[in-house]
PDB file of N, CA and C in Angstrom:
ATOM      1  N   MET A   1     -16.952  -8.665 -67.530  1.00  0.00           N
ATOM      2  CA  MET A   1     -16.110  -9.558 -68.269  1.00  0.00           C
ATOM      3  C   MET A   1     -16.769  -9.807 -69.628  1.00  0.00           C
ATOM      4  N   ALA A   2     -15.915  -9.535 -70.662  1.00  0.00           N
ATOM      5  CA  ALA A   2     -16.404  -9.741 -71.978  1.00  0.00           C
ATOM      6  C   ALA A   2     -16.364 -11.181 -72.358  1.00  0.00           C
ATOM      7  N   PRO A   3     -17.413 -11.634 -73.188  1.00  0.00           N
ATOM      8  CA  PRO A   3     -17.415 -13.024 -73.605  1.00  0.00           C
ATOM      9  C   PRO A   3     -16.286 -13.321 -74.571  1.00  0.00           C
ATOM     10  N   HIS A   4     -15.721 -14.550 -74.491  1.00  0.00           N
ATOM     11  CA  HIS A   4     -14.624 -14.945 -75.359  1.00  0.00           C
ATOM     12  C   HIS A   4     -15.135 -15.619 -76.630  1.00  0.00           C
ATOM     13  N   GLY A   5     -16.260 -16.237 -76.566  1.00  0.00           N
ATOM     14  CA  GLY A   5     -16.819 -16.921 -77.725  1.00  0.00           C
ATOM     15  C   GLY A   5     -18.169 -16.328 -78.070  1.00  0.00           C
ATOM     16  N   LYS A   6     -18.988 -17.112 -78.780  1.00  0.00           N
ATOM     17  CA  LYS A   6     -20.322 -16.634 -79.101  1.00  0.00           C
ATOM     18  C   LYS A   6     -21.193 -16.652 -77.847  1.00  0.00           C
ATOM     19  N   GLU A   7     -22.034 -15.656 -77.722  1.00  0.00           N
ATOM     20  CA  GLU A   7     -22.932 -15.593 -76.576  1.00  0.00           C
ATOM     21  C   GLU A   7     -24.094 -16.547 -76.798  1.00  0.00           C
ATOM     22  N   LEU A   8     -24.546 -17.163 -75.729  1.00  0.00           N
ATOM     23  CA  LEU A   8     -25.686 -18.071 -75.820  1.00  0.00           C
ATOM     24  C   LEU A   8     -26.960 -17.273 -76.056  1.00  0.00           C
ATOM     25  N   SER A   9     -27.924 -17.883 -76.719  1.00  0.00           N
ATOM     26  CA  SER A   9     -29.199 -17.209 -76.942  1.00  0.00           C
ATOM     27  C   SER A   9     -29.960 -17.132 -75.617  1.00  0.00           C
ATOM     28  N   GLU A  10     -30.858 -16.173 -75.519  1.00  0.00           N
ATOM     29  CA  GLU A  10     -31.651 -16.007 -74.293  1.00  0.00           C
ATOM     30  C   GLU A  10     -32.501 -17.239 -74.025  1.00  0.00           C
ATOM     31  N   ASP A  11     -33.003 -17.861 -75.091  1.00  0.00           N
ATOM     32  CA  ASP A  11     -33.824 -19.060 -74.941  1.00  0.00           C
ATOM     33  C   ASP A  11     -33.002 -20.185 -74.301  1.00  0.00           C
ATOM     34  N   LEU A  12     -31.770 -20.356 -74.748  1.00  0.00           N
ATOM     35  CA  LEU A  12     -30.910 -21.401 -74.212  1.00  0.00           C
ATOM     36  C   LEU A  12     -30.554 -21.126 -72.755  1.00  0.00           C
ATOM     37  N   LYS A  13     -30.306 -19.863 -72.429  1.00  0.00           N
ATOM     38  CA  LYS A  13     -30.005 -19.505 -71.043  1.00  0.00           C
ATOM     39  C   LYS A  13     -31.187 -19.795 -70.134  1.00  0.00           C
ATOM     40  N   LYS A  14     -32.397 -19.492 -70.621  1.00  0.00           N
ATOM     41  CA  LYS A  14     -33.604 -19.758 -69.829  1.00  0.00           C
ATOM     42  C   LYS A  14     -33.808 -21.252 -69.642  1.00  0.00           C
ATOM     43  N   ARG A  15     -33.456 -22.051 -70.651  1.00  0.00           N
ATOM     44  CA  ARG A  15     -33.568 -23.505 -70.526  1.00  0.00           C
ATOM     45  C   ARG A  15     -32.586 -24.037 -69.493  1.00  0.00           C
ATOM     46  N   ILE A  16     -31.379 -23.462 -69.460  1.00  0.00           N
ATOM     47  CA  ILE A  16     -30.378 -23.873 -68.469  1.00  0.00           C
ATOM     48  C   ILE A  16     -30.906 -23.599 -67.061  1.00  0.00           C
ATOM     49  N   VAL A  17     -31.445 -22.409 -66.844  1.00  0.00           N
ATOM     50  CA  VAL A  17     -31.955 -22.033 -65.519  1.00  0.00           C
ATOM     51  C   VAL A  17     -33.162 -22.903 -65.152  1.00  0.00           C
ATOM     52  N   ALA A  18     -34.028 -23.180 -66.123  1.00  0.00           N
ATOM     53  CA  ALA A  18     -35.206 -24.008 -65.850  1.00  0.00           C
ATOM     54  C   ALA A  18     -34.793 -25.430 -65.459  1.00  0.00           C
ATOM     55  N   LEU A  19     -33.822 -25.989 -66.162  1.00  0.00           N
ATOM     56  CA  LEU A  19     -33.351 -27.331 -65.824  1.00  0.00           C
ATOM     57  C   LEU A  19     -32.688 -27.344 -64.454  1.00  0.00           C
ATOM     58  N   HIS A  20     -32.000 -26.273 -64.101  1.00  0.00           N
ATOM     59  CA  HIS A  20     -31.377 -26.186 -62.780  1.00  0.00           C
ATOM     60  C   HIS A  20     -32.447 -26.099 -61.691  1.00  0.00           C
ATOM     61  N   LYS A  21     -33.517 -25.391 -61.962  1.00  0.00           N
ATOM     62  CA  LYS A  21     -34.610 -25.302 -60.986  1.00  0.00           C
ATOM     63  C   LYS A  21     -35.322 -26.640 -60.833  1.00  0.00           C
ATOM     64  N   ASP A  22     -35.236 -27.491 -61.863  1.00  0.00           N
ATOM     65  CA  ASP A  22     -35.807 -28.838 -61.786  1.00  0.00           C
ATOM     66  C   ASP A  22     -34.860 -29.816 -61.104  1.00  0.00           C
ATOM     67  N   ARG A  23     -33.829 -29.274 -60.443  1.00  0.00           N
ATOM     68  CA  ARG A  23     -32.880 -30.033 -59.638  1.00  0.00           C
ATOM     69  C   ARG A  23     -31.933 -30.917 -60.444  1.00  0.00           C
ATOM     70  N   LEU A  24     -31.621 -30.543 -61.675  1.00  0.00           N
ATOM     71  CA  LEU A  24     -30.612 -31.259 -62.441  1.00  0.00           C
ATOM     72  C   LEU A  24     -29.252 -30.648 -62.141  1.00  0.00           C
ATOM     73  N   GLY A  25     -28.214 -31.451 -62.149  1.00  0.00           N
ATOM     74  CA  GLY A  25     -26.869 -30.986 -61.878  1.00  0.00           C
ATOM     75  C   GLY A  25     -26.243 -30.348 -63.119  1.00  0.00           C
ATOM     76  N   TYR A  26     -25.098 -29.718 -62.907  1.00  0.00           N
ATOM     77  CA  TYR A  26     -24.400 -29.045 -64.008  1.00  0.00           C
ATOM     78  C   TYR A  26     -24.043 -30.025 -65.118  1.00  0.00           C
ATOM     79  N   LYS A  27     -23.523 -31.193 -64.746  1.00  0.00           N
ATOM     80  CA  LYS A  27     -23.079 -32.164 -65.751  1.00  0.00           C
ATOM     81  C   LYS A  27     -24.246 -32.691 -66.584  1.00  0.00           C
ATOM     82  N   LYS A  28     -25.376 -32.952 -65.937  1.00  0.00           N
ATOM     83  CA  LYS A  28     -26.539 -33.463 -66.684  1.00  0.00           C
ATOM     84  C   LYS A  28     -27.102 -32.404 -67.622  1.00  0.00           C
ATOM     85  N   ILE A  29     -27.123 -31.147 -67.148  1.00  0.00           N
ATOM     86  CA  ILE A  29     -27.604 -30.047 -68.000  1.00  0.00           C
ATOM     87  C   ILE A  29     -26.664 -29.887 -69.190  1.00  0.00           C
ATOM     88  N   ALA A  30     -25.369 -29.921 -68.933  1.00  0.00           N
ATOM     89  CA  ALA A  30     -24.377 -29.757 -69.998  1.00  0.00           C
ATOM     90  C   ALA A  30     -24.496 -30.875 -71.031  1.00  0.00           C
ATOM     91  N   LYS A  31     -24.692 -32.088 -70.568  1.00  0.00           N
ATOM     92  CA  LYS A  31     -24.817 -33.231 -71.475  1.00  0.00           C
ATOM     93  C   LYS A  31     -26.111 -33.147 -72.275  1.00  0.00           C
ATOM     94  N   THR A  32     -27.196 -32.732 -71.627  1.00  0.00           N
ATOM     95  CA  THR A  32     -28.490 -32.624 -72.305  1.00  0.00           C
ATOM     96  C   THR A  32     -28.466 -31.570 -73.404  1.00  0.00           C
ATOM     97  N   LEU A  33     -27.866 -30.411 -73.120  1.00  0.00           N
ATOM     98  CA  LEU A  33     -27.866 -29.293 -74.069  1.00  0.00           C
ATOM     99  C   LEU A  33     -26.601 -29.235 -74.930  1.00  0.00           C
ATOM    100  N   LYS A  34     -25.693 -30.205 -74.742  1.00  0.00           N
ATOM    101  CA  LYS A  34     -24.435 -30.279 -75.492  1.00  0.00           C
ATOM    102  C   LYS A  34     -23.609 -29.002 -75.344  1.00  0.00           C
ATOM    103  N   LEU A  35     -23.410 -28.614 -74.083  1.00  0.00           N
ATOM    104  CA  LEU A  35     -22.587 -27.457 -73.731  1.00  0.00           C
ATOM    105  C   LEU A  35     -21.504 -27.908 -72.774  1.00  0.00           C
ATOM    106  N   SER A  36     -20.534 -27.049 -72.528  1.00  0.00           N
ATOM    107  CA  SER A  36     -19.520 -27.389 -71.532  1.00  0.00           C
ATOM    108  C   SER A  36     -20.096 -27.155 -70.135  1.00  0.00           C
ATOM    109  N   CYS A  37     -19.536 -27.862 -69.195  1.00  0.00           N
ATOM    110  CA  CYS A  37     -20.000 -27.766 -67.813  1.00  0.00           C
ATOM    111  C   CYS A  37     -19.730 -26.363 -67.252  1.00  0.00           C
ATOM    112  N   SER A  38     -18.601 -25.758 -67.648  1.00  0.00           N
ATOM    113  CA  SER A  38     -18.275 -24.426 -67.139  1.00  0.00           C
ATOM    114  C   SER A  38     -19.240 -23.369 -67.681  1.00  0.00           C
ATOM    115  N   THR A  39     -19.722 -23.547 -68.915  1.00  0.00           N
ATOM    116  CA  THR A  39     -20.699 -22.609 -69.475  1.00  0.00           C
ATOM    117  C   THR A  39     -21.992 -22.657 -68.678  1.00  0.00           C
ATOM    118  N   VAL A  40     -22.419 -23.859 -68.355  1.00  0.00           N
ATOM    119  CA  VAL A  40     -23.643 -24.028 -67.559  1.00  0.00           C
ATOM    120  C   VAL A  40     -23.453 -23.413 -66.183  1.00  0.00           C
ATOM    121  N   ALA A  41     -22.311 -23.671 -65.559  1.00  0.00           N
ATOM    122  CA  ALA A  41     -22.050 -23.158 -64.208  1.00  0.00           C
ATOM    123  C   ALA A  41     -22.022 -21.630 -64.197  1.00  0.00           C
ATOM    124  N   LYS A  42     -21.366 -21.025 -65.195  1.00  0.00           N
ATOM    125  CA  LYS A  42     -21.298 -19.567 -65.250  1.00  0.00           C
ATOM    126  C   LYS A  42     -22.670 -18.948 -65.468  1.00  0.00           C
ATOM    127  N   THR A  43     -23.487 -19.578 -66.310  1.00  0.00           N
ATOM    128  CA  THR A  43     -24.826 -19.058 -66.568  1.00  0.00           C
ATOM    129  C   THR A  43     -25.676 -19.110 -65.303  1.00  0.00           C
ATOM    130  N   ILE A  44     -25.609 -20.214 -64.586  1.00  0.00           N
ATOM    131  CA  ILE A  44     -26.394 -20.357 -63.358  1.00  0.00           C
ATOM    132  C   ILE A  44     -25.876 -19.412 -62.281  1.00  0.00           C
ATOM    133  N   ARG A  45     -24.547 -19.271 -62.175  1.00  0.00           N
ATOM    134  CA  ARG A  45     -23.965 -18.358 -61.191  1.00  0.00           C
ATOM    135  C   ARG A  45     -24.407 -16.925 -61.474  1.00  0.00           C
ATOM    136  N   ARG A  46     -24.410 -16.531 -62.748  1.00  0.00           N
ATOM    137  CA  ARG A  46     -24.836 -15.186 -63.123  1.00  0.00           C
ATOM    138  C   ARG A  46     -26.304 -14.982 -62.763  1.00  0.00           C
ATOM    139  N   PHE A  47     -27.131 -16.005 -63.005  1.00  0.00           N
ATOM    140  CA  PHE A  47     -28.552 -15.888 -62.673  1.00  0.00           C
ATOM    141  C   PHE A  47     -28.753 -15.763 -61.168  1.00  0.00           C
ATOM    142  N   ASN A  48     -28.030 -16.554 -60.389  1.00  0.00           N
ATOM    143  CA  ASN A  48     -28.179 -16.494 -58.927  1.00  0.00           C
ATOM    144  C   ASN A  48     -27.696 -15.160 -58.359  1.00  0.00           C
ATOM    145  N   LYS A  49     -26.666 -14.585 -58.975  1.00  0.00           N
ATOM    146  CA  LYS A  49     -26.101 -13.335 -58.471  1.00  0.00           C
ATOM    147  C   LYS A  49     -26.948 -12.122 -58.840  1.00  0.00           C
ATOM    148  N   THR A  50     -27.410 -12.055 -60.101  1.00  0.00           N
ATOM    149  CA  THR A  50     -28.097 -10.857 -60.573  1.00  0.00           C
ATOM    150  C   THR A  50     -29.598 -11.037 -60.763  1.00  0.00           C
ATOM    151  N   GLY A  51     -30.071 -12.280 -60.823  1.00  0.00           N
ATOM    152  CA  GLY A  51     -31.489 -12.519 -61.074  1.00  0.00           C
ATOM    153  C   GLY A  51     -31.828 -12.459 -62.553  1.00  0.00           C
ATOM    154  N   SER A  52     -30.817 -12.308 -63.395  1.00  0.00           N
ATOM    155  CA  SER A  52     -31.009 -12.230 -64.837  1.00  0.00           C
ATOM    156  C   SER A  52     -29.901 -13.024 -65.514  1.00  0.00           C
ATOM    157  N   THR A  53     -30.150 -13.473 -66.730  1.00  0.00           N
ATOM    158  CA  THR A  53     -29.131 -14.226 -67.454  1.00  0.00           C
ATOM    159  C   THR A  53     -28.370 -13.349 -68.438  1.00  0.00           C
ATOM    160  N   GLN A  54     -28.707 -12.075 -68.508  1.00  0.00           N
ATOM    161  CA  GLN A  54     -28.041 -11.182 -69.448  1.00  0.00           C
ATOM    162  C   GLN A  54     -26.680 -10.770 -68.921  1.00  0.00           C
ATOM    163  N   ILE A  55     -25.730 -10.581 -69.838  1.00  0.00           N
ATOM    164  CA  ILE A  55     -24.405 -10.120 -69.470  1.00  0.00           C
ATOM    165  C   ILE A  55     -24.464  -8.612 -69.248  1.00  0.00           C
ATOM    166  N   ARG A  56     -23.981  -8.183 -68.084  1.00  0.00           N
ATOM    167  CA  ARG A  56     -23.993  -6.756 -67.785  1.00  0.00           C
ATOM    168  C   ARG A  56     -22.867  -6.063 -68.517  1.00  0.00           C
ATOM    169  N   PRO A  57     -23.040  -4.796 -68.849  1.00  0.00           N
ATOM    170  CA  PRO A  57     -21.951  -4.084 -69.525  1.00  0.00           C
ATOM    171  C   PRO A  57     -20.749  -3.938 -68.605  1.00  0.00           C
ATOM    172  N   CYS A  58     -19.579  -3.910 -69.218  1.00  0.00           N
ATOM    173  CA  CYS A  58     -18.344  -3.773 -68.445  1.00  0.00           C
ATOM    174  C   CYS A  58     -18.275  -2.382 -67.823  1.00  0.00           C
ATOM    175  N   HIS A  59     -17.647  -2.287 -66.685  1.00  0.00           N
ATOM    176  CA  HIS A  59     -17.475  -0.993 -66.052  1.00  0.00           C
ATOM    177  C   HIS A  59     -16.017  -0.581 -66.172  1.00  0.00           C
ATOM    178  N   GLY A  60     -15.777   0.660 -65.968  1.00  0.00           N
ATOM    179  CA  GLY A  60     -14.419   1.181 -66.078  1.00  0.00           C
ATOM    180  C   GLY A  60     -14.231   1.960 -67.363  1.00  0.00           C
ATOM    181  N   ARG A  61     -13.153   2.689 -67.386  1.00  0.00           N
ATOM    182  CA  ARG A  61     -12.866   3.536 -68.532  1.00  0.00           C
ATOM    183  C   ARG A  61     -12.292   2.700 -69.674  1.00  0.00           C
ATOM    184  N   PRO A  62     -12.765   2.926 -70.902  1.00  0.00           N
ATOM    185  CA  PRO A  62     -12.210   2.183 -72.034  1.00  0.00           C
ATOM    186  C   PRO A  62     -10.784   2.635 -72.338  1.00  0.00           C
ATOM    187  N   LYS A  63     -10.010   1.763 -72.936  1.00  0.00           N
ATOM    188  CA  LYS A  63      -8.618   2.064 -73.268  1.00  0.00           C
ATOM    189  C   LYS A  63      -8.552   3.097 -74.383  1.00  0.00           C
ATOM    190  N   LYS A  64      -7.596   4.024 -74.270  1.00  0.00           N
ATOM    191  CA  LYS A  64      -7.406   5.054 -75.288  1.00  0.00           C
ATOM    192  C   LYS A  64      -6.522   4.547 -76.423  1.00  0.00           C
ATOM    193  N   LEU A  65      -5.529   3.732 -76.081  1.00  0.00           N
ATOM    194  CA  LEU A  65      -4.575   3.244 -77.073  1.00  0.00           C
ATOM    195  C   LEU A  65      -4.933   1.831 -77.516  1.00  0.00           C
ATOM    196  N   SER A  66      -4.651   1.552 -78.776  1.00  0.00           N
ATOM    197  CA  SER A  66      -4.816   0.186 -79.251  1.00  0.00           C
ATOM    198  C   SER A  66      -3.637  -0.643 -78.748  1.00  0.00           C
ATOM    199  N   ALA A  67      -3.742  -1.948 -78.842  1.00  0.00           N
ATOM    200  CA  ALA A  67      -2.662  -2.824 -78.393  1.00  0.00           C
ATOM    201  C   ALA A  67      -1.400  -2.576 -79.214  1.00  0.00           C
ATOM    202  N   ARG A  68      -1.590  -2.288 -80.495  1.00  0.00           N
ATOM    203  CA  ARG A  68      -0.444  -2.033 -81.373  1.00  0.00           C
ATOM    204  C   ARG A  68       0.296  -0.759 -80.968  1.00  0.00           C
ATOM    205  N   ALA A  69      -0.458   0.304 -80.672  1.00  0.00           N
ATOM    206  CA  ALA A  69       0.152   1.567 -80.254  1.00  0.00           C
ATOM    207  C   ALA A  69       0.862   1.409 -78.913  1.00  0.00           C
ATOM    208  N   GLN A  70       0.274   0.642 -78.032  1.00  0.00           N
ATOM    209  CA  GLN A  70       0.880   0.422 -76.723  1.00  0.00           C
ATOM    210  C   GLN A  70       2.212  -0.326 -76.858  1.00  0.00           C
ATOM    211  N   CYS A  71       2.270  -1.324 -77.737  1.00  0.00           N
ATOM    212  CA  CYS A  71       3.517  -2.055 -77.980  1.00  0.00           C
ATOM    213  C   CYS A  71       4.572  -1.137 -78.584  1.00  0.00           C
ATOM    214  N   HIS A  72       4.142  -0.238 -79.477  1.00  0.00           N
ATOM    215  CA  HIS A  72       5.067   0.697 -80.109  1.00  0.00           C
ATOM    216  C   HIS A  72       5.697   1.620 -79.055  1.00  0.00           C
ATOM    217  N   ILE A  73       4.897   2.129 -78.157  1.00  0.00           N
ATOM    218  CA  ILE A  73       5.396   3.012 -77.098  1.00  0.00           C
ATOM    219  C   ILE A  73       6.348   2.245 -76.173  1.00  0.00           C
ATOM    220  N   GLN A  74       6.022   0.994 -75.868  1.00  0.00           N
ATOM    221  CA  GLN A  74       6.908   0.189 -75.027  1.00  0.00           C
ATOM    222  C   GLN A  74       8.255  -0.025 -75.704  1.00  0.00           C
ATOM    223  N   ARG A  75       8.230  -0.323 -77.014  1.00  0.00           N
ATOM    224  CA  ARG A  75       9.461  -0.530 -77.758  1.00  0.00           C
ATOM    225  C   ARG A  75      10.322   0.733 -77.763  1.00  0.00           C
ATOM    226  N   LEU A  76       9.667   1.884 -77.927  1.00  0.00           N
ATOM    227  CA  LEU A  76      10.400   3.154 -77.919  1.00  0.00           C
ATOM    228  C   LEU A  76      11.075   3.398 -76.571  1.00  0.00           C
ATOM    229  N   SER A  77      10.313   3.169 -75.509  1.00  0.00           N
ATOM    230  CA  SER A  77      10.857   3.472 -74.180  1.00  0.00           C
ATOM    231  C   SER A  77      11.937   2.475 -73.771  1.00  0.00           C
ATOM    232  N   LEU A  78      11.805   1.218 -74.173  1.00  0.00           N
ATOM    233  CA  LEU A  78      12.826   0.226 -73.834  1.00  0.00           C
ATOM    234  C   LEU A  78      14.070   0.392 -74.700  1.00  0.00           C
ATOM    235  N   GLY A  79      13.899   0.898 -75.924  1.00  0.00           N
ATOM    236  CA  GLY A  79      15.033   1.104 -76.809  1.00  0.00           C
ATOM    237  C   GLY A  79      15.934   2.227 -76.352  1.00  0.00           C
ATOM    238  N   ASN A  80      15.332   3.273 -75.797  1.00  0.00           N
ATOM    239  CA  ASN A  80      16.114   4.409 -75.321  1.00  0.00           C
ATOM    240  C   ASN A  80      15.550   4.824 -73.967  1.00  0.00           C
ATOM    241  N   ARG A  81      16.149   4.332 -72.912  1.00  0.00           N
ATOM    242  CA  ARG A  81      15.626   4.564 -71.567  1.00  0.00           C
ATOM    243  C   ARG A  81      15.775   6.010 -71.101  1.00  0.00           C
ATOM    244  N   CYS A  82      16.589   6.790 -71.766  1.00  0.00           N
ATOM    245  CA  CYS A  82      16.783   8.200 -71.396  1.00  0.00           C
ATOM    246  C   CYS A  82      15.756   9.110 -72.062  1.00  0.00           C
ATOM    247  N   MET A  83      14.925   8.567 -72.908  1.00  0.00           N
ATOM    248  CA  MET A  83      13.935   9.353 -73.659  1.00  0.00           C
ATOM    249  C   MET A  83      12.847   9.860 -72.710  1.00  0.00           C
ATOM    250  N   SER A  84      12.468  11.114 -72.843  1.00  0.00           N
ATOM    251  CA  SER A  84      11.450  11.676 -71.959  1.00  0.00           C
ATOM    252  C   SER A  84      10.050  11.300 -72.464  1.00  0.00           C
ATOM    253  N   ALA A  85       9.077  11.466 -71.588  1.00  0.00           N
ATOM    254  CA  ALA A  85       7.699  11.148 -71.954  1.00  0.00           C
ATOM    255  C   ALA A  85       7.213  12.058 -73.072  1.00  0.00           C
ATOM    256  N   ALA A  86       7.621  13.307 -73.068  1.00  0.00           N
ATOM    257  CA  ALA A  86       7.217  14.255 -74.102  1.00  0.00           C
ATOM    258  C   ALA A  86       7.755  13.842 -75.476  1.00  0.00           C
ATOM    259  N   SER A  87       9.006  13.389 -75.508  1.00  0.00           N
ATOM    260  CA  SER A  87       9.578  12.985 -76.798  1.00  0.00           C
ATOM    261  C   SER A  87       8.961  11.672 -77.295  1.00  0.00           C
ATOM    262  N   ILE A  88       8.608  10.784 -76.361  1.00  0.00           N
ATOM    263  CA  ILE A  88       7.913   9.553 -76.758  1.00  0.00           C
ATOM    264  C   ILE A  88       6.538   9.894 -77.338  1.00  0.00           C
ATOM    265  N   ALA A  89       5.828  10.808 -76.683  1.00  0.00           N
ATOM    266  CA  ALA A  89       4.500  11.211 -77.157  1.00  0.00           C
ATOM    267  C   ALA A  89       4.586  11.868 -78.520  1.00  0.00           C
ATOM    268  N   ALA A  90       5.621  12.670 -78.741  1.00  0.00           N
ATOM    269  CA  ALA A  90       5.789  13.341 -80.034  1.00  0.00           C
ATOM    270  C   ALA A  90       6.113  12.338 -81.128  1.00  0.00           C
ATOM    271  N   GLU A  91       6.873  11.310 -80.790  1.00  0.00           N
ATOM    272  CA  GLU A  91       7.252  10.303 -81.777  1.00  0.00           C
ATOM    273  C   GLU A  91       6.120   9.335 -82.066  1.00  0.00           C
ATOM    274  N   ALA A  92       5.292   9.080 -81.082  1.00  0.00           N
ATOM    275  CA  ALA A  92       4.185   8.135 -81.252  1.00  0.00           C
ATOM    276  C   ALA A  92       3.063   8.830 -81.993  1.00  0.00           C
TER     277      ALA A  92
END
Protein backbone atom coordinates (compact mmCIF):
# COMPACT_ATOMS: atom_id res chain seq x y z
CA MET A 1 0.00 0.00 0.00
CA ALA A 2 1.35 3.28 -1.13
CA PRO A 3 1.46 6.19 1.31
CA HIS A 4 -1.15 8.92 0.76
CA GLY A 5 0.72 11.72 2.48
CA LYS A 6 4.29 12.44 3.46
CA GLU A 7 6.16 9.49 4.90
CA LEU A 8 7.33 9.77 8.49
CA SER A 9 11.06 9.98 9.12
CA GLU A 10 12.81 6.86 10.40
CA ASP A 11 13.70 8.70 13.61
CA LEU A 12 10.03 9.48 14.28
CA LYS A 13 8.99 5.90 13.57
CA LYS A 14 11.62 4.62 16.00
CA ARG A 15 10.34 7.05 18.65
CA ILE A 16 6.79 5.75 18.15
CA VAL A 17 7.94 2.14 18.62
CA ALA A 18 10.08 3.07 21.64
CA LEU A 19 7.17 4.85 23.33
CA HIS A 20 4.95 1.84 22.62
CA LYS A 21 7.53 -0.46 24.21
CA ASP A 22 7.43 1.84 27.26
CA ARG A 23 3.75 0.84 27.57
CA LEU A 24 2.20 4.09 26.34
CA GLY A 25 -1.11 3.83 24.49
CA TYR A 26 -1.81 4.98 20.94
CA LYS A 27 -3.62 8.13 22.06
CA LYS A 28 -0.84 9.24 24.43
CA ILE A 29 1.83 8.62 21.78
CA ALA A 30 -0.21 10.52 19.20
CA LYS A 31 -0.73 13.45 21.56
CA THR A 32 2.95 13.52 22.58
CA LEU A 33 4.27 13.50 19.00
CA LYS A 34 1.37 15.54 17.53
CA LEU A 35 0.32 12.82 15.09
CA SER A 36 -3.00 11.18 14.36
CA CYS A 37 -3.91 8.08 16.32
CA SER A 38 -4.30 6.04 13.11
CA THR A 39 -0.76 6.95 12.00
CA VAL A 40 0.62 5.69 15.29
CA ALA A 41 -1.47 2.51 15.11
CA LYS A 42 -0.39 1.74 11.53
CA THR A 43 3.28 2.30 12.37
CA ILE A 44 3.11 -0.01 15.39
CA ARG A 45 1.11 -2.63 13.46
CA ARG A 46 3.71 -2.58 10.67
CA PHE A 47 6.51 -2.99 13.23
CA ASN A 48 4.76 -5.91 14.95
CA LYS A 49 4.06 -7.64 11.63
CA THR A 50 7.42 -7.21 9.87
CA GLY A 51 9.86 -6.30 12.65
CA SER A 52 10.75 -3.13 10.75
CA THR A 53 9.17 0.30 10.38
CA GLN A 54 10.05 0.66 6.71
CA ILE A 55 7.33 0.51 4.07
CA ARG A 56 7.76 -2.55 1.89
CA PRO A 57 7.59 -2.14 -1.87
CA CYS A 58 4.25 -2.88 -3.48
CA HIS A 59 3.83 -6.22 -5.17
CA GLY A 60 2.05 -6.96 -8.39
CA ARG A 61 2.40 -5.83 -11.93
CA PRO A 62 2.41 -2.06 -12.54
CA LYS A 63 -0.35 -0.59 -14.69
CA LYS A 64 0.41 -0.17 -18.39
CA LEU A 65 -2.18 2.54 -19.06
CA SER A 66 -2.48 5.89 -17.39
CA ALA A 67 -5.79 6.82 -15.77
CA ARG A 68 -6.45 9.24 -18.62
CA ALA A 69 -5.91 6.57 -21.30
CA GLN A 70 -8.11 4.14 -19.41
CA CYS A 71 -10.96 6.69 -19.26
CA HIS A 72 -10.55 7.35 -22.99
CA ILE A 73 -10.88 3.64 -23.81
CA GLN A 74 -13.94 3.36 -21.56
CA ARG A 75 -15.57 6.33 -23.30
CA LEU A 76 -14.89 4.77 -26.70
CA SER A 77 -16.34 1.41 -25.75
CA LEU A 78 -19.42 2.88 -24.05
CA GLY A 79 -20.05 5.25 -26.96
CA ASN A 80 -20.16 2.46 -29.51
CA ARG A 81 -20.86 -0.92 -27.95
CA CYS A 82 -20.49 -2.73 -31.30
CA MET A 83 -16.86 -1.60 -31.66
CA SER A 84 -14.34 -4.45 -31.60
CA ALA A 85 -11.31 -4.56 -29.33
CA ALA A 86 -9.00 -4.25 -32.34
CA SER A 87 -10.68 -1.07 -33.55
CA ILE A 88 -10.60 0.41 -30.03
CA ALA A 89 -6.88 -0.39 -29.79
CA ALA A 90 -6.25 1.20 -33.19
CA GLU A 91 -8.15 4.34 -32.21
CA ALA A 92 -6.51 4.64 -28.80
